[in-house]
Amino acid sequence: MVEIFLRTVPFFAIIGLGYWAGRTRFFSEEATAYLTKFVFYFALSAMLFRFAANLSLDEVFNGRLIAGYLWGTAFVYGIATVVAFLRKLDVSHTAIEAQCAVIGNVGFLGIPMLAVIFGEAAIGPVMLVLAVDLIVFSSLIVILITGSRDGRMSLGILKTVGLGLVKNPMIVAISLGLLWSAFDIPIPGPMNEFLAILGAAATPGALFAIGASLASKSAERVQIALWLSLCKLVIHPIFVAIGVFYLFPIDPFSAAVVVSAAALPVAGNVYILAQHYNVAPHRASAAIFISTVLSIVTVSVAIALVSGPLG
């Protein structure tokens, strides 16, 4: 575990550097927003497209992996939902808490870190996890919040969900990359170099942006944030492990990658949604901050536990 912890330290050190830059105002909130936009729309998209274009759909798609991850995630989503309802929260606030409990920072932290720790073979399973999070759960939260406010389901809600998916650069990059691969189109040398150079900026840029954005997060409602962090960092990977190791068993390597992805801290886009709909933004902010700090230790433990059998 010490060896894995030391391998994860550089990633969290860059997050820490970004946090320092944001906290000291060396990096303003506006600068952080533009850096995040660059990583999201350009660097990370280039990395995902290049990885996907060099994989075949057969290598990426794994129905049992999707089933195992979806089962574990839905189960924990249900736990967080029941706890929220027992506290008499409305549907909107419940949806935000459930989202915090299961949606990890797979795009900005998971892809770069797990690709280094497990190798590029981890990219396929991680992309499937990212796709499930974006397509299923990011759509679900929009449906729940919008539907609860309107009091009914409407075509407008489905249109909003559909447009959100089509406009998401990570979904677009993965889809275009897999189509490129499916048609067996060779990537020209200059294009490959362009994507490699641009994609290389994704790892440091994303990690620095995570840290800088944390500097503006508050740690209010700590008790609730600790509960949501427990769900995300401990309960979620445990139930995903049950799904991919026992209920829908897949190969040990892919299972280890999926559980490691499930152990990541709360994703920043949960706060963006909470702020957009004006539903518990401080709660989401605190969950992101606390889970990210705690994940310096918990992610290493999770990776060590699941990768031990791999030798």
C-alpha atoms as a PDB file:
ATOM      1  CA  MET A   1       0.000   0.000   0.000  1.00  0.00           C
ATOM      2  CA  VAL A   2       2.920   2.348   0.721  1.00  0.00           C
ATOM      3  CA  GLU A   3       4.150   1.910  -2.847  1.00  0.00           C
ATOM      4  CA  ILE A   4       0.729   2.772  -4.290  1.00  0.00           C
ATOM      5  CA  PHE A   5       0.409   5.733  -1.920  1.00  0.00           C
ATOM      6  CA  LEU A   6       3.746   7.061  -3.144  1.00  0.00           C
ATOM      7  CA  ARG A   7       2.563   6.676  -6.744  1.00  0.00           C
ATOM      8  CA  THR A   8      -0.580   8.687  -6.022  1.00  0.00           C
ATOM      9  CA  VAL A   9       1.264  11.422  -4.091  1.00  0.00           C
ATOM     10  CA  PRO A  10       2.389  13.357  -7.226  1.00  0.00           C
ATOM     11  CA  PHE A  11      -1.221  13.606  -8.423  1.00  0.00           C
ATOM     12  CA  PHE A  12      -2.453  14.959  -5.099  1.00  0.00           C
ATOM     13  CA  ALA A  13       0.625  17.202  -4.852  1.00  0.00           C
ATOM     14  CA  ILE A  14      -0.447  18.936  -8.082  1.00  0.00           C
ATOM     15  CA  ILE A  15      -3.966  19.294  -6.633  1.00  0.00           C
ATOM     16  CA  GLY A  16      -2.345  20.800  -3.527  1.00  0.00           C
ATOM     17  CA  LEU A  17      -0.333  23.204  -5.664  1.00  0.00           C
ATOM     18  CA  GLY A  18      -3.517  24.304  -7.412  1.00  0.00           C
ATOM     19  CA  TYR A  19      -5.209  24.754  -4.043  1.00  0.00           C
ATOM     20  CA  TRP A  20      -2.331  26.945  -2.843  1.00  0.00           C
ATOM     21  CA  ALA A  21      -2.515  29.035  -6.019  1.00  0.00           C
ATOM     22  CA  GLY A  22      -6.256  29.540  -5.582  1.00  0.00           C
ATOM     23  CA  ARG A  23      -6.103  30.135  -1.843  1.00  0.00           C
ATOM     24  CA  THR A  24      -3.396  32.808  -2.122  1.00  0.00           C
ATOM     25  CA  ARG A  25      -5.267  34.416  -5.050  1.00  0.00           C
ATOM     26  CA  PHE A  26      -2.213  33.846  -7.260  1.00  0.00           C
ATOM     27  CA  PHE A  27      -4.792  32.092  -9.414  1.00  0.00           C
ATOM     28  CA  SER A  28      -8.105  33.955  -9.470  1.00  0.00           C
ATOM     29  CA  GLU A  29     -11.506  32.232  -9.713  1.00  0.00           C
ATOM     30  CA  GLU A  30     -11.785  33.583 -13.252  1.00  0.00           C
ATOM     31  CA  ALA A  31      -8.429  32.035 -14.180  1.00  0.00           C
ATOM     32  CA  THR A  32      -9.536  28.733 -12.649  1.00  0.00           C
ATOM     33  CA  ALA A  33     -12.748  28.819 -14.670  1.00  0.00           C
ATOM     34  CA  TYR A  34     -10.833  29.341 -17.918  1.00  0.00           C
ATOM     35  CA  LEU A  35      -8.291  26.631 -17.087  1.00  0.00           C
ATOM     36  CA  THR A  36     -11.142  24.234 -16.337  1.00  0.00           C
ATOM     37  CA  LYS A  37     -12.788  25.137 -19.637  1.00  0.00           C
ATOM     38  CA  PHE A  38      -9.533  24.520 -21.533  1.00  0.00           C
ATOM     39  CA  VAL A  39      -9.074  21.103 -19.933  1.00  0.00           C
ATOM     40  CA  PHE A  40     -12.736  20.121 -20.342  1.00  0.00           C
ATOM     41  CA  TYR A  41     -13.213  21.158 -23.959  1.00  0.00           C
ATOM     42  CA  PHE A  42      -9.735  20.708 -25.422  1.00  0.00           C
ATOM     43  CA  ALA A  43      -7.078  18.768 -23.502  1.00  0.00           C
ATOM     44  CA  LEU A  44      -9.247  16.054 -21.937  1.00  0.00           C
ATOM     45  CA  SER A  45     -11.286  15.698 -25.132  1.00  0.00           C
ATOM     46  CA  ALA A  46      -8.086  15.213 -27.158  1.00  0.00           C
ATOM     47  CA  MET A  47      -6.872  12.576 -24.705  1.00  0.00           C
ATOM     48  CA  LEU A  48     -10.185  10.688 -24.738  1.00  0.00           C
ATOM     49  CA  PHE A  49     -10.528  10.826 -28.527  1.00  0.00           C
ATOM     50  CA  ARG A  50      -6.983   9.536 -29.035  1.00  0.00           C
ATOM     51  CA  PHE A  51      -7.463   6.689 -26.561  1.00  0.00           C
ATOM     52  CA  ALA A  52     -10.873   5.736 -28.003  1.00  0.00           C
ATOM     53  CA  ALA A  53      -9.666   5.921 -31.623  1.00  0.00           C
ATOM     54  CA  ASN A  54      -6.965   3.399 -30.812  1.00  0.00           C
ATOM     55  CA  LEU A  55      -9.394   0.964 -29.191  1.00  0.00           C
ATOM     56  CA  SER A  56     -11.979  -1.237 -30.823  1.00  0.00           C
ATOM     57  CA  LEU A  57     -15.556  -1.292 -29.552  1.00  0.00           C
ATOM     58  CA  ASP A  58     -15.055  -4.953 -28.620  1.00  0.00           C
ATOM     59  CA  GLU A  59     -12.165  -3.949 -26.366  1.00  0.00           C
ATOM     60  CA  VAL A  60     -14.181  -1.219 -24.663  1.00  0.00           C
ATOM     61  CA  PHE A  61     -17.724  -2.566 -24.362  1.00  0.00           C
ATOM     62  CA  ASN A  62     -18.313  -5.009 -21.519  1.00  0.00           C
ATOM     63  CA  GLY A  63     -21.942  -5.631 -20.579  1.00  0.00           C
ATOM     64  CA  ARG A  64     -21.091  -7.376 -17.308  1.00  0.00           C
ATOM     65  CA  LEU A  65     -18.841  -4.497 -16.273  1.00  0.00           C
ATOM     66  CA  ILE A  66     -21.651  -2.017 -16.931  1.00  0.00           C
ATOM     67  CA  ALA A  67     -24.130  -4.206 -15.034  1.00  0.00           C
ATOM     68  CA  GLY A  68     -21.810  -4.648 -12.036  1.00  0.00           C
ATOM     69  CA  TYR A  69     -20.924  -0.969 -11.801  1.00  0.00           C
ATOM     70  CA  LEU A  70     -24.509   0.129 -12.392  1.00  0.00           C
ATOM     71  CA  TRP A  71     -25.820  -2.263  -9.722  1.00  0.00           C
ATOM     72  CA  GLY A  72     -23.339  -1.083  -7.080  1.00  0.00           C
ATOM     73  CA  THR A  73     -23.848   2.574  -7.915  1.00  0.00           C
ATOM     74  CA  ALA A  74     -27.647   2.317  -7.967  1.00  0.00           C
ATOM     75  CA  PHE A  75     -27.603   0.505  -4.614  1.00  0.00           C
ATOM     76  CA  VAL A  76     -25.607   3.273  -2.915  1.00  0.00           C
ATOM     77  CA  TYR A  77     -27.721   5.903  -4.697  1.00  0.00           C
ATOM     78  CA  GLY A  78     -30.697   4.200  -3.074  1.00  0.00           C
ATOM     79  CA  ILE A  79     -29.073   4.219   0.380  1.00  0.00           C
ATOM     80  CA  ALA A  80     -28.329   7.958   0.150  1.00  0.00           C
ATOM     81  CA  THR A  81     -31.870   8.582  -1.106  1.00  0.00           C
ATOM     82  CA  VAL A  82     -33.496   6.684   1.775  1.00  0.00           C
ATOM     83  CA  VAL A  83     -31.337   8.486   4.362  1.00  0.00           C
ATOM     84  CA  ALA A  84     -32.239  11.858   2.809  1.00  0.00           C
ATOM     85  CA  PHE A  85     -35.958  11.045   2.810  1.00  0.00           C
ATOM     86  CA  LEU A  86     -35.749   9.934   6.447  1.00  0.00           C
ATOM     87  CA  ARG A  87     -34.379  13.419   7.164  1.00  0.00           C
ATOM     88  CA  LYS A  88     -37.473  14.775   5.360  1.00  0.00           C
ATOM     89  CA  LEU A  89     -35.564  16.385   2.483  1.00  0.00           C
ATOM     90  CA  ASP A  90     -37.407  17.218  -0.712  1.00  0.00           C
ATOM     91  CA  VAL A  91     -36.720  15.505  -4.028  1.00  0.00           C
ATOM     92  CA  SER A  92     -34.287  18.162  -5.292  1.00  0.00           C
ATOM     93  CA  HIS A  93     -32.060  18.118  -2.203  1.00  0.00           C
ATOM     94  CA  THR A  94     -32.240  14.325  -2.072  1.00  0.00           C
ATOM     95  CA  ALA A  95     -31.088  14.109  -5.692  1.00  0.00           C
ATOM     96  CA  ILE A  96     -28.057  16.324  -4.983  1.00  0.00           C
ATOM     97  CA  GLU A  97     -27.050  14.245  -1.953  1.00  0.00           C
ATOM     98  CA  ALA A  98     -27.482  10.966  -3.859  1.00  0.00           C
ATOM     99  CA  GLN A  99     -25.368  12.372  -6.687  1.00  0.00           C
ATOM    100  CA  CYS A 100     -22.611  13.303  -4.221  1.00  0.00           C
ATOM    101  CA  ALA A 101     -22.726   9.766  -2.839  1.00  0.00           C
ATOM    102  CA  VAL A 102     -21.936   8.031  -6.134  1.00  0.00           C
ATOM    103  CA  ILE A 103     -20.466  10.365  -8.775  1.00  0.00           C
ATOM    104  CA  GLY A 104     -16.681  10.505  -8.574  1.00  0.00           C
ATOM    105  CA  ASN A 105     -14.116  12.690 -10.285  1.00  0.00           C
ATOM    106  CA  VAL A 106     -13.488  10.122 -13.024  1.00  0.00           C
ATOM    107  CA  GLY A 107     -12.866  12.599 -15.845  1.00  0.00           C
ATOM    108  CA  PHE A 108     -10.408  15.017 -14.254  1.00  0.00           C
ATOM    109  CA  LEU A 109      -8.732  12.720 -11.691  1.00  0.00           C
ATOM    110  CA  GLY A 110      -9.570   9.115 -12.554  1.00  0.00           C
ATOM    111  CA  ILE A 111      -8.502   8.943 -16.194  1.00  0.00           C
ATOM    112  CA  PRO A 112      -5.038  10.487 -15.756  1.00  0.00           C
ATOM    113  CA  MET A 113      -4.242   8.794 -12.437  1.00  0.00           C
ATOM    114  CA  LEU A 114      -5.555   5.301 -13.153  1.00  0.00           C
ATOM    115  CA  ALA A 115      -3.926   5.291 -16.609  1.00  0.00           C
ATOM    116  CA  VAL A 116      -0.565   5.857 -14.927  1.00  0.00           C
ATOM    117  CA  ILE A 117      -1.091   3.402 -12.055  1.00  0.00           C
ATOM    118  CA  PHE A 118      -2.682   0.562 -14.058  1.00  0.00           C
ATOM    119  CA  GLY A 119      -1.369   1.398 -17.552  1.00  0.00           C
ATOM    120  CA  GLU A 120      -3.241   2.374 -20.715  1.00  0.00           C
ATOM    121  CA  ALA A 121      -5.188  -0.907 -20.563  1.00  0.00           C
ATOM    122  CA  ALA A 122      -7.238   0.760 -17.813  1.00  0.00           C
ATOM    123  CA  ILE A 123      -8.631   3.372 -20.204  1.00  0.00           C
ATOM    124  CA  GLY A 124     -11.395   1.126 -21.611  1.00  0.00           C
ATOM    125  CA  PRO A 125     -12.970   0.259 -18.227  1.00  0.00           C
ATOM    126  CA  VAL A 126     -12.595   3.845 -16.980  1.00  0.00           C
ATOM    127  CA  MET A 127     -14.338   5.199 -20.089  1.00  0.00           C
ATOM    128  CA  LEU A 128     -17.265   2.837 -19.475  1.00  0.00           C
ATOM    129  CA  VAL A 129     -17.552   4.055 -15.883  1.00  0.00           C
ATOM    130  CA  LEU A 130     -17.471   7.653 -17.111  1.00  0.00           C
ATOM    131  CA  ALA A 131     -20.117   6.902 -19.746  1.00  0.00           C
ATOM    132  CA  VAL A 132     -22.478   5.330 -17.174  1.00  0.00           C
ATOM    133  CA  ASP A 133     -22.022   8.296 -14.826  1.00  0.00           C
ATOM    134  CA  LEU A 134     -22.703  10.842 -17.560  1.00  0.00           C
ATOM    135  CA  ILE A 135     -25.474   9.069 -19.458  1.00  0.00           C
ATOM    136  CA  VAL A 136     -27.401   7.494 -16.578  1.00  0.00           C
ATOM    137  CA  PHE A 137     -26.844   9.493 -13.404  1.00  0.00           C
ATOM    138  CA  SER A 138     -26.186  12.964 -14.813  1.00  0.00           C
ATOM    139  CA  SER A 139     -29.425  12.546 -16.783  1.00  0.00           C
ATOM    140  CA  LEU A 140     -31.277  11.223 -13.729  1.00  0.00           C
ATOM    141  CA  ILE A 141     -30.482  14.242 -11.548  1.00  0.00           C
ATOM    142  CA  VAL A 142     -31.757  16.646 -14.219  1.00  0.00           C
ATOM    143  CA  ILE A 143     -34.961  14.604 -14.580  1.00  0.00           C
ATOM    144  CA  LEU A 144     -35.527  14.457 -10.797  1.00  0.00           C
ATOM    145  CA  ILE A 145     -34.891  18.140 -10.079  1.00  0.00           C
ATOM    146  CA  THR A 146     -36.728  19.495 -13.126  1.00  0.00           C
ATOM    147  CA  GLY A 147     -39.578  16.999 -12.801  1.00  0.00           C
ATOM    148  CA  SER A 148     -40.089  17.748  -9.100  1.00  0.00           C
ATOM    149  CA  ARG A 149     -40.297  21.477  -9.834  1.00  0.00           C
ATOM    150  CA  ASP A 150     -42.682  21.074 -12.756  1.00  0.00           C
ATOM    151  CA  GLY A 151     -44.685  18.423 -10.966  1.00  0.00           C
ATOM    152  CA  ARG A 152     -44.616  16.168 -14.027  1.00  0.00           C
ATOM    153  CA  MET A 153     -42.422  14.666 -16.740  1.00  0.00           C
ATOM    154  CA  SER A 154     -42.397  16.504 -20.052  1.00  0.00           C
ATOM    155  CA  LEU A 155     -40.734  16.383 -23.446  1.00  0.00           C
ATOM    156  CA  GLY A 156     -38.903  19.563 -22.433  1.00  0.00           C
ATOM    157  CA  ILE A 157     -37.064  17.666 -19.688  1.00  0.00           C
ATOM    158  CA  LEU A 158     -36.024  14.918 -22.096  1.00  0.00           C
ATOM    159  CA  LYS A 159     -34.890  17.553 -24.588  1.00  0.00           C
ATOM    160  CA  THR A 160     -32.747  19.198 -21.888  1.00  0.00           C
ATOM    161  CA  VAL A 161     -31.192  15.833 -20.997  1.00  0.00           C
ATOM    162  CA  GLY A 162     -30.530  14.973 -24.636  1.00  0.00           C
ATOM    163  CA  LEU A 163     -28.937  18.336 -25.416  1.00  0.00           C
ATOM    164  CA  GLY A 164     -26.790  18.041 -22.295  1.00  0.00           C
ATOM    165  CA  LEU A 165     -25.397  14.712 -23.478  1.00  0.00           C
ATOM    166  CA  VAL A 166     -24.824  15.897 -27.046  1.00  0.00           C
ATOM    167  CA  LYS A 167     -23.014  19.003 -25.810  1.00  0.00           C
ATOM    168  CA  ASN A 168     -20.807  17.146 -23.315  1.00  0.00           C
ATOM    169  CA  PRO A 169     -17.309  17.106 -24.871  1.00  0.00           C
ATOM    170  CA  MET A 170     -16.277  13.923 -23.043  1.00  0.00           C
ATOM    171  CA  ILE A 171     -19.218  11.959 -24.464  1.00  0.00           C
ATOM    172  CA  VAL A 172     -18.601  13.475 -27.909  1.00  0.00           C
ATOM    173  CA  ALA A 173     -14.852  12.702 -27.815  1.00  0.00           C
ATOM    174  CA  ILE A 174     -15.381   9.080 -26.753  1.00  0.00           C
ATOM    175  CA  SER A 175     -18.154   8.536 -29.324  1.00  0.00           C
ATOM    176  CA  LEU A 176     -16.180  10.079 -32.206  1.00  0.00           C
ATOM    177  CA  GLY A 177     -13.078   8.137 -31.219  1.00  0.00           C
ATOM    178  CA  LEU A 178     -14.926   4.818 -31.195  1.00  0.00           C
ATOM    179  CA  LEU A 179     -16.545   5.646 -34.557  1.00  0.00           C
ATOM    180  CA  TRP A 180     -13.098   6.476 -35.955  1.00  0.00           C
ATOM    181  CA  SER A 181     -11.872   3.107 -34.696  1.00  0.00           C
ATOM    182  CA  ALA A 182     -14.976   1.249 -35.969  1.00  0.00           C
ATOM    183  CA  PHE A 183     -14.381   2.518 -39.515  1.00  0.00           C
ATOM    184  CA  ASP A 184     -10.712   1.527 -39.146  1.00  0.00           C
ATOM    185  CA  ILE A 185      -9.503   4.978 -40.209  1.00  0.00           C
ATOM    186  CA  PRO A 186      -5.760   5.393 -39.642  1.00  0.00           C
ATOM    187  CA  ILE A 187      -4.723   8.438 -37.624  1.00  0.00           C
ATOM    188  CA  PRO A 188      -2.232  10.508 -39.667  1.00  0.00           C
ATOM    189  CA  GLY A 189       1.113  11.123 -37.959  1.00  0.00           C
ATOM    190  CA  PRO A 190       0.714  14.910 -37.530  1.00  0.00           C
ATOM    191  CA  MET A 191      -2.823  14.475 -36.188  1.00  0.00           C
ATOM    192  CA  ASN A 192      -1.663  11.832 -33.721  1.00  0.00           C
ATOM    193  CA  GLU A 193       1.146  14.109 -32.506  1.00  0.00           C
ATOM    194  CA  PHE A 194      -1.283  17.027 -32.202  1.00  0.00           C
ATOM    195  CA  LEU A 195      -3.660  14.931 -30.085  1.00  0.00           C
ATOM    196  CA  ALA A 196      -0.794  13.556 -27.995  1.00  0.00           C
ATOM    197  CA  ILE A 197       0.622  17.016 -27.227  1.00  0.00           C
ATOM    198  CA  LEU A 198      -2.770  18.549 -26.477  1.00  0.00           C
ATOM    199  CA  GLY A 199      -3.896  15.502 -24.499  1.00  0.00           C
ATOM    200  CA  ALA A 200      -0.705  15.598 -22.404  1.00  0.00           C
ATOM    201  CA  ALA A 201      -1.918  18.895 -20.950  1.00  0.00           C
ATOM    202  CA  ALA A 202      -5.008  17.156 -19.548  1.00  0.00           C
ATOM    203  CA  THR A 203      -3.321  15.517 -16.564  1.00  0.00           C
ATOM    204  CA  PRO A 204      -1.502  18.491 -14.984  1.00  0.00           C
ATOM    205  CA  GLY A 205      -4.188  20.930 -16.114  1.00  0.00           C
ATOM    206  CA  ALA A 206      -7.060  18.908 -14.673  1.00  0.00           C
ATOM    207  CA  LEU A 207      -5.321  18.248 -11.357  1.00  0.00           C
ATOM    208  CA  PHE A 208      -4.283  21.883 -10.947  1.00  0.00           C
ATOM    209  CA  ALA A 209      -7.837  23.003 -11.809  1.00  0.00           C
ATOM    210  CA  ILE A 210      -9.274  20.624  -9.177  1.00  0.00           C
ATOM    211  CA  GLY A 211      -7.027  22.151  -6.506  1.00  0.00           C
ATOM    212  CA  ALA A 212      -7.649  25.743  -7.554  1.00  0.00           C
ATOM    213  CA  SER A 213     -11.416  25.183  -7.582  1.00  0.00           C
ATOM    214  CA  LEU A 214     -11.268  23.628  -4.088  1.00  0.00           C
ATOM    215  CA  ALA A 215      -9.871  26.920  -2.776  1.00  0.00           C
ATOM    216  CA  SER A 216     -13.259  28.545  -3.351  1.00  0.00           C
ATOM    217  CA  LYS A 217     -15.204  25.673  -1.774  1.00  0.00           C
ATOM    218  CA  SER A 218     -16.572  26.024   1.735  1.00  0.00           C
ATOM    219  CA  ALA A 219     -16.702  23.347   4.415  1.00  0.00           C
ATOM    220  CA  GLU A 220     -20.140  24.186   5.778  1.00  0.00           C
ATOM    221  CA  ARG A 221     -22.560  21.460   6.925  1.00  0.00           C
ATOM    222  CA  VAL A 222     -19.588  19.280   7.814  1.00  0.00           C
ATOM    223  CA  GLN A 223     -21.628  16.465   9.379  1.00  0.00           C
ATOM    224  CA  ILE A 224     -23.621  15.909   6.183  1.00  0.00           C
ATOM    225  CA  ALA A 225     -20.487  16.285   4.045  1.00  0.00           C
ATOM    226  CA  LEU A 226     -18.748  13.597   6.114  1.00  0.00           C
ATOM    227  CA  TRP A 227     -21.702  11.237   5.587  1.00  0.00           C
ATOM    228  CA  LEU A 228     -21.656  11.851   1.823  1.00  0.00           C
ATOM    229  CA  SER A 229     -17.858  11.432   1.757  1.00  0.00           C
ATOM    230  CA  LEU A 230     -18.241   8.106   3.593  1.00  0.00           C
ATOM    231  CA  CYS A 231     -20.743   7.015   0.942  1.00  0.00           C
ATOM    232  CA  LYS A 232     -18.474   8.042  -1.916  1.00  0.00           C
ATOM    233  CA  LEU A 233     -15.083   6.907  -0.626  1.00  0.00           C
ATOM    234  CA  VAL A 234     -16.052   3.721   1.241  1.00  0.00           C
ATOM    235  CA  ILE A 235     -19.601   2.478   0.693  1.00  0.00           C
ATOM    236  CA  HIS A 236     -19.662   3.083  -3.077  1.00  0.00           C
ATOM    237  CA  PRO A 237     -16.471   1.113  -3.887  1.00  0.00           C
ATOM    238  CA  ILE A 238     -17.574  -1.707  -1.565  1.00  0.00           C
ATOM    239  CA  PHE A 239     -20.884  -2.216  -3.381  1.00  0.00           C
ATOM    240  CA  VAL A 240     -19.298  -1.793  -6.800  1.00  0.00           C
ATOM    241  CA  ALA A 241     -16.775  -4.470  -5.759  1.00  0.00           C
ATOM    242  CA  ILE A 242     -19.656  -6.786  -4.867  1.00  0.00           C
ATOM    243  CA  GLY A 243     -21.117  -6.087  -8.305  1.00  0.00           C
ATOM    244  CA  VAL A 244     -18.013  -6.664 -10.454  1.00  0.00           C
ATOM    245  CA  PHE A 245     -16.342  -9.389  -8.369  1.00  0.00           C
ATOM    246  CA  TYR A 246     -19.362 -11.486  -7.326  1.00  0.00           C
ATOM    247  CA  LEU A 247     -22.739 -10.655  -8.899  1.00  0.00           C
ATOM    248  CA  PHE A 248     -21.501  -9.910 -12.440  1.00  0.00           C
ATOM    249  CA  PRO A 249     -17.903 -11.166 -12.266  1.00  0.00           C
ATOM    250  CA  ILE A 250     -15.444  -9.789 -14.810  1.00  0.00           C
ATOM    251  CA  ASP A 251     -11.698 -10.251 -15.221  1.00  0.00           C
ATOM    252  CA  PRO A 252      -9.700  -9.225 -12.108  1.00  0.00           C
ATOM    253  CA  PHE A 253      -7.839  -6.407 -13.869  1.00  0.00           C
ATOM    254  CA  SER A 254     -10.981  -4.647 -15.136  1.00  0.00           C
ATOM    255  CA  ALA A 255     -12.692  -5.206 -11.773  1.00  0.00           C
ATOM    256  CA  ALA A 256      -9.768  -3.592  -9.948  1.00  0.00           C
ATOM    257  CA  VAL A 257      -9.887  -0.572 -12.262  1.00  0.00           C
ATOM    258  CA  VAL A 258     -13.661  -0.149 -11.874  1.00  0.00           C
ATOM    259  CA  VAL A 259     -13.552  -0.364  -8.062  1.00  0.00           C
ATOM    260  CA  SER A 260     -10.640   2.102  -7.997  1.00  0.00           C
ATOM    261  CA  ALA A 261     -12.696   4.491 -10.139  1.00  0.00           C
ATOM    262  CA  ALA A 262     -15.613   4.082  -7.704  1.00  0.00           C
ATOM    263  CA  ALA A 263     -13.313   5.068  -4.825  1.00  0.00           C
ATOM    264  CA  LEU A 264     -12.600   8.537  -6.259  1.00  0.00           C
ATOM    265  CA  PRO A 265     -13.833  11.681  -4.448  1.00  0.00           C
ATOM    266  CA  VAL A 266     -17.006  13.581  -5.327  1.00  0.00           C
ATOM    267  CA  ALA A 267     -16.914  15.139  -8.804  1.00  0.00           C
ATOM    268  CA  GLY A 268     -16.831  18.890  -9.251  1.00  0.00           C
ATOM    269  CA  ASN A 269     -19.711  18.829 -11.739  1.00  0.00           C
ATOM    270  CA  VAL A 270     -22.099  17.974  -8.876  1.00  0.00           C
ATOM    271  CA  TYR A 271     -21.425  21.437  -7.460  1.00  0.00           C
ATOM    272  CA  ILE A 272     -21.982  22.979 -10.896  1.00  0.00           C
ATOM    273  CA  LEU A 273     -25.408  21.303 -11.087  1.00  0.00           C
ATOM    274  CA  ALA A 274     -26.258  22.279  -7.506  1.00  0.00           C
ATOM    275  CA  GLN A 275     -25.324  25.876  -8.220  1.00  0.00           C
ATOM    276  CA  HIS A 276     -27.169  25.905 -11.546  1.00  0.00           C
ATOM    277  CA  TYR A 277     -30.424  24.699  -9.956  1.00  0.00           C
ATOM    278  CA  ASN A 278     -29.738  26.577  -6.685  1.00  0.00           C
ATOM    279  CA  VAL A 279     -30.129  23.367  -4.666  1.00  0.00           C
ATOM    280  CA  ALA A 280     -27.746  22.807  -1.728  1.00  0.00           C
ATOM    281  CA  PRO A 281     -24.585  24.212  -3.387  1.00  0.00           C
ATOM    282  CA  HIS A 282     -22.807  24.571  -0.006  1.00  0.00           C
ATOM    283  CA  ARG A 283     -23.578  20.938   0.813  1.00  0.00           C
ATOM    284  CA  ALA A 284     -22.115  19.760  -2.495  1.00  0.00           C
ATOM    285  CA  SER A 285     -19.145  22.102  -2.085  1.00  0.00           C
ATOM    286  CA  ALA A 286     -18.317  20.715   1.359  1.00  0.00           C
ATOM    287  CA  ALA A 287     -18.682  17.113   0.171  1.00  0.00           C
ATOM    288  CA  ILE A 288     -16.275  17.758  -2.714  1.00  0.00           C
ATOM    289  CA  PHE A 289     -13.732  19.460  -0.456  1.00  0.00           C
ATOM    290  CA  ILE A 290     -13.799  16.919   2.387  1.00  0.00           C
ATOM    291  CA  SER A 291     -13.916  13.833   0.144  1.00  0.00           C
ATOM    292  CA  THR A 292     -10.973  15.108  -1.915  1.00  0.00           C
ATOM    293  CA  VAL A 293      -8.855  15.713   1.187  1.00  0.00           C
ATOM    294  CA  LEU A 294      -9.714  12.304   2.671  1.00  0.00           C
ATOM    295  CA  SER A 295      -9.152  10.557  -0.671  1.00  0.00           C
ATOM    296  CA  ILE A 296      -5.407  11.212  -0.419  1.00  0.00           C
ATOM    297  CA  VAL A 297      -5.416   8.203   1.919  1.00  0.00           C
ATOM    298  CA  THR A 298      -8.588   6.282   1.023  1.00  0.00           C
ATOM    299  CA  VAL A 299      -7.913   6.039  -2.727  1.00  0.00           C
ATOM    300  CA  SER A 300      -4.488   4.487  -2.071  1.00  0.00           C
ATOM    301  CA  VAL A 301      -6.057   1.984   0.332  1.00  0.00           C
ATOM    302  CA  ALA A 302      -8.762   1.043  -2.173  1.00  0.00           C
ATOM    303  CA  ILE A 303      -6.313   0.601  -5.052  1.00  0.00           C
ATOM    304  CA  ALA A 304      -3.989  -1.473  -2.853  1.00  0.00           C
ATOM    305  CA  LEU A 305      -6.839  -3.755  -1.745  1.00  0.00           C
ATOM    306  CA  VAL A 306      -8.191  -4.476  -5.226  1.00  0.00           C
ATOM    307  CA  SER A 307      -4.863  -4.606  -7.074  1.00  0.00           C
ATOM    308  CA  GLY A 308      -3.196  -6.928  -4.558  1.00  0.00           C
ATOM    309  CA  PRO A 309      -4.444 -10.098  -6.337  1.00  0.00           C
ATOM    310  CA  LEU A 310      -3.007  -8.777  -9.619  1.00  0.00           C
ATOM    311  CA  GLY A 311       0.482  -9.152  -8.184  1.00  0.00           C
END
